[in-house]
Protein backbone atom coordinates (compact mmCIF):
# COMPACT_ATOMS: atom_id res chain seq x y z
CA UNK A 1 -37.61 75.24 75.50
CA UNK A 2 -34.35 75.61 77.48
CA UNK A 3 -33.46 78.80 75.59
CA UNK A 4 -36.94 80.14 76.40
CA UNK A 5 -36.54 79.38 80.12
CA UNK A 6 -33.07 80.96 80.15
CA UNK A 7 -34.39 84.17 78.51
CA UNK A 8 -37.19 84.42 81.09
CA UNK A 9 -34.75 83.73 83.94
CA UNK A 10 -32.38 86.46 82.70
CA UNK A 11 -35.24 88.95 82.43
CA UNK A 12 -36.33 88.18 86.00
CA UNK A 13 -32.71 88.44 87.26
CA UNK A 14 -32.25 91.84 85.55
CA UNK A 15 -35.51 93.07 87.00
CA UNK A 16 -34.44 91.92 90.46
CA UNK A 17 -31.09 93.68 90.12
CA UNK A 18 -32.87 96.90 89.13
CA UNK A 19 -35.24 96.56 92.09
CA UNK A 20 -32.37 95.84 94.46
CA UNK A 21 -30.45 98.85 93.10
CA UNK A 22 -33.42 101.17 93.69
CA UNK A 23 -33.92 99.75 97.17
CA UNK A 24 -30.21 100.15 97.95
CA UNK A 25 -30.23 103.75 96.69
CA UNK A 26 -33.24 104.53 98.91
CA UNK A 27 -31.50 102.85 101.85
CA UNK A 28 -28.31 104.88 101.35
CA UNK A 29 -30.34 108.12 101.20
CA UNK A 30 -32.34 107.19 104.28
CA UNK A 31 -29.23 106.09 106.20
CA UNK A 32 -27.81 109.63 106.25
CA UNK A 33 -29.17 111.69 109.10
CA UNK A 34 -31.64 114.32 107.86
CA UNK A 35 -29.84 117.63 107.33
CA UNK A 36 -32.62 119.66 105.70
CA UNK A 37 -36.37 119.44 105.09
CA UNK A 38 -35.99 117.50 101.82
CA UNK A 39 -33.72 114.84 103.34
CA UNK A 40 -36.10 114.61 106.31
CA UNK A 41 -39.00 114.06 103.87
CA UNK A 42 -37.03 111.29 102.10
CA UNK A 43 -36.34 109.52 105.37
CA UNK A 44 -39.82 110.03 106.86
CA UNK A 45 -42.26 110.32 103.93
CA UNK A 46 -45.36 110.32 106.17
CA UNK A 47 -44.13 113.12 108.46
CA UNK A 48 -46.27 116.24 108.85
CA UNK A 49 -45.30 119.88 109.31
CA UNK A 50 -43.97 120.69 112.76
CA UNK A 51 -40.91 120.66 115.02
CA UNK A 52 -38.39 118.00 114.02
CA UNK A 53 -34.71 117.25 114.63
CA UNK A 54 -32.21 117.88 111.85
CA UNK A 55 -28.45 117.30 111.92
CA UNK A 56 -26.01 119.95 110.73
CA UNK A 57 -24.17 118.46 107.74
CA UNK A 58 -25.72 115.09 108.66
CA UNK A 59 -23.46 114.87 111.75
CA UNK A 60 -24.86 112.84 114.63
CA UNK A 61 -23.24 115.09 117.24
CA UNK A 62 -24.76 118.33 115.90
CA UNK A 63 -28.56 118.01 116.18
CA UNK A 64 -30.90 121.01 116.20
CA UNK A 65 -34.67 121.47 116.34
CA UNK A 66 -36.33 123.04 113.37
CA UNK A 67 -39.91 123.69 112.27
CA UNK A 68 -40.42 122.04 108.87
CA UNK A 69 -43.10 123.56 106.68
CA UNK A 70 -44.47 122.09 103.45
CA UNK A 71 -43.47 118.47 103.95
CA UNK A 72 -46.38 117.59 101.67
CA UNK A 73 -44.85 119.67 98.84
CA UNK A 74 -41.80 119.24 96.62
CA UNK A 75 -40.04 122.22 98.28
CA UNK A 76 -40.35 122.00 102.08
CA UNK A 77 -38.75 124.79 104.13
CA UNK A 78 -36.92 125.06 107.46
CA UNK A 79 -37.71 127.59 110.21
CA UNK A 80 -36.25 128.25 113.64
CA UNK A 81 -38.84 128.75 116.36
CA UNK A 82 -37.94 131.77 118.46
CA UNK A 83 -38.15 130.71 122.13
CA UNK A 84 -39.64 133.96 123.44
CA UNK A 85 -42.03 134.31 120.52
CA UNK A 86 -43.22 137.52 118.89
CA UNK A 87 -43.35 139.58 122.11
CA UNK A 88 -39.57 140.03 122.21
CA UNK A 89 -38.64 139.19 118.60
CA UNK A 90 -39.68 142.16 116.52
CA UNK A 91 -38.41 144.91 114.26
CA UNK A 92 -39.64 148.44 114.79
CA UNK A 93 -39.77 151.68 112.82
CA UNK A 94 -41.20 154.57 114.90
CA UNK A 95 -43.24 157.42 113.48
CA UNK A 96 -41.99 160.96 113.70
CA UNK A 97 -39.14 162.93 112.22
CA UNK A 98 -39.13 162.29 108.50
CA UNK A 99 -41.78 159.56 108.79
CA UNK A 100 -45.47 160.32 108.38
CA UNK A 101 -48.19 157.95 109.49
CA UNK A 102 -47.86 155.41 112.27
CA UNK A 103 -45.06 153.32 113.74
CA UNK A 104 -44.47 149.96 112.07
CA UNK A 105 -43.79 146.84 114.13
CA UNK A 106 -43.20 143.41 112.60
CA UNK A 107 -43.20 140.57 115.15
CA UNK A 108 -41.68 137.17 114.40
CA UNK A 109 -42.63 133.75 115.78
CA UNK A 110 -40.25 131.79 113.52
CA UNK A 111 -37.46 132.77 111.14
CA UNK A 112 -36.39 131.08 107.90
CA UNK A 113 -33.10 129.18 108.13
CA UNK A 114 -30.70 127.82 105.55
CA UNK A 115 -29.54 124.63 107.33
CA UNK A 116 -26.45 124.24 105.13
CA UNK A 117 -24.99 127.65 106.05
CA UNK A 118 -27.01 128.36 109.23
CA UNK A 119 -27.82 131.77 107.77
CA UNK A 120 -31.19 133.41 108.44
CA UNK A 121 -33.37 134.81 105.66
CA UNK A 122 -34.41 138.07 107.30
CA UNK A 123 -37.14 139.00 104.82
CA UNK A 124 -39.32 135.87 105.11
CA UNK A 125 -42.63 136.90 106.72
CA UNK A 126 -44.38 133.51 106.81
CA UNK A 127 -44.54 133.44 110.63
CA UNK A 128 -44.80 137.18 111.28
CA UNK A 129 -47.42 139.84 111.89
CA UNK A 130 -47.14 143.54 111.11
CA UNK A 131 -49.02 146.41 112.72
CA UNK A 132 -49.02 150.07 111.81
CA UNK A 133 -48.69 150.01 108.06
CA UNK A 134 -48.53 148.07 104.85
CA UNK A 135 -44.72 147.90 104.91
CA UNK A 136 -42.94 145.17 106.82
CA UNK A 137 -39.68 145.42 108.71
CA UNK A 138 -37.07 142.69 108.16
CA UNK A 139 -36.09 140.53 111.12
CA UNK A 140 -33.29 142.04 113.22
CA UNK A 141 -33.89 145.52 111.85
CA UNK A 142 -34.56 148.57 113.98
CA UNK A 143 -34.66 152.18 112.82
CA UNK A 144 -34.88 155.62 114.25
CA UNK A 145 -37.16 158.15 112.58
């Protein structure tokens, strides 16, 4: 009987240690300030897509606002909202010269950001609209015909 009780006690203790380890691992992950959309999702699992604060390299003194898209997926993405919107954030390719057809204008509301390097992905068109043709112009690109 005592051996039986000891076996059950050991099994419960091992289970508790495993549970505590998982809880501790979750706590450590959630303690770091969110530095990208995935870490934000880990810390705030019920969050929805929208503007949120991230921290460059998880540093408290370097916060920045970012639009997080796809928080309900396994690969959420980060976007910077452009303060002046699509009216002043566009790429343009005029017609004329060697170009037939119409001028192409791609306007951007948000641009894709890599929060680890702070580099912009110029050919992400998720928050853009294009007029004048089937081709799209990358963000920050202007051309003369």
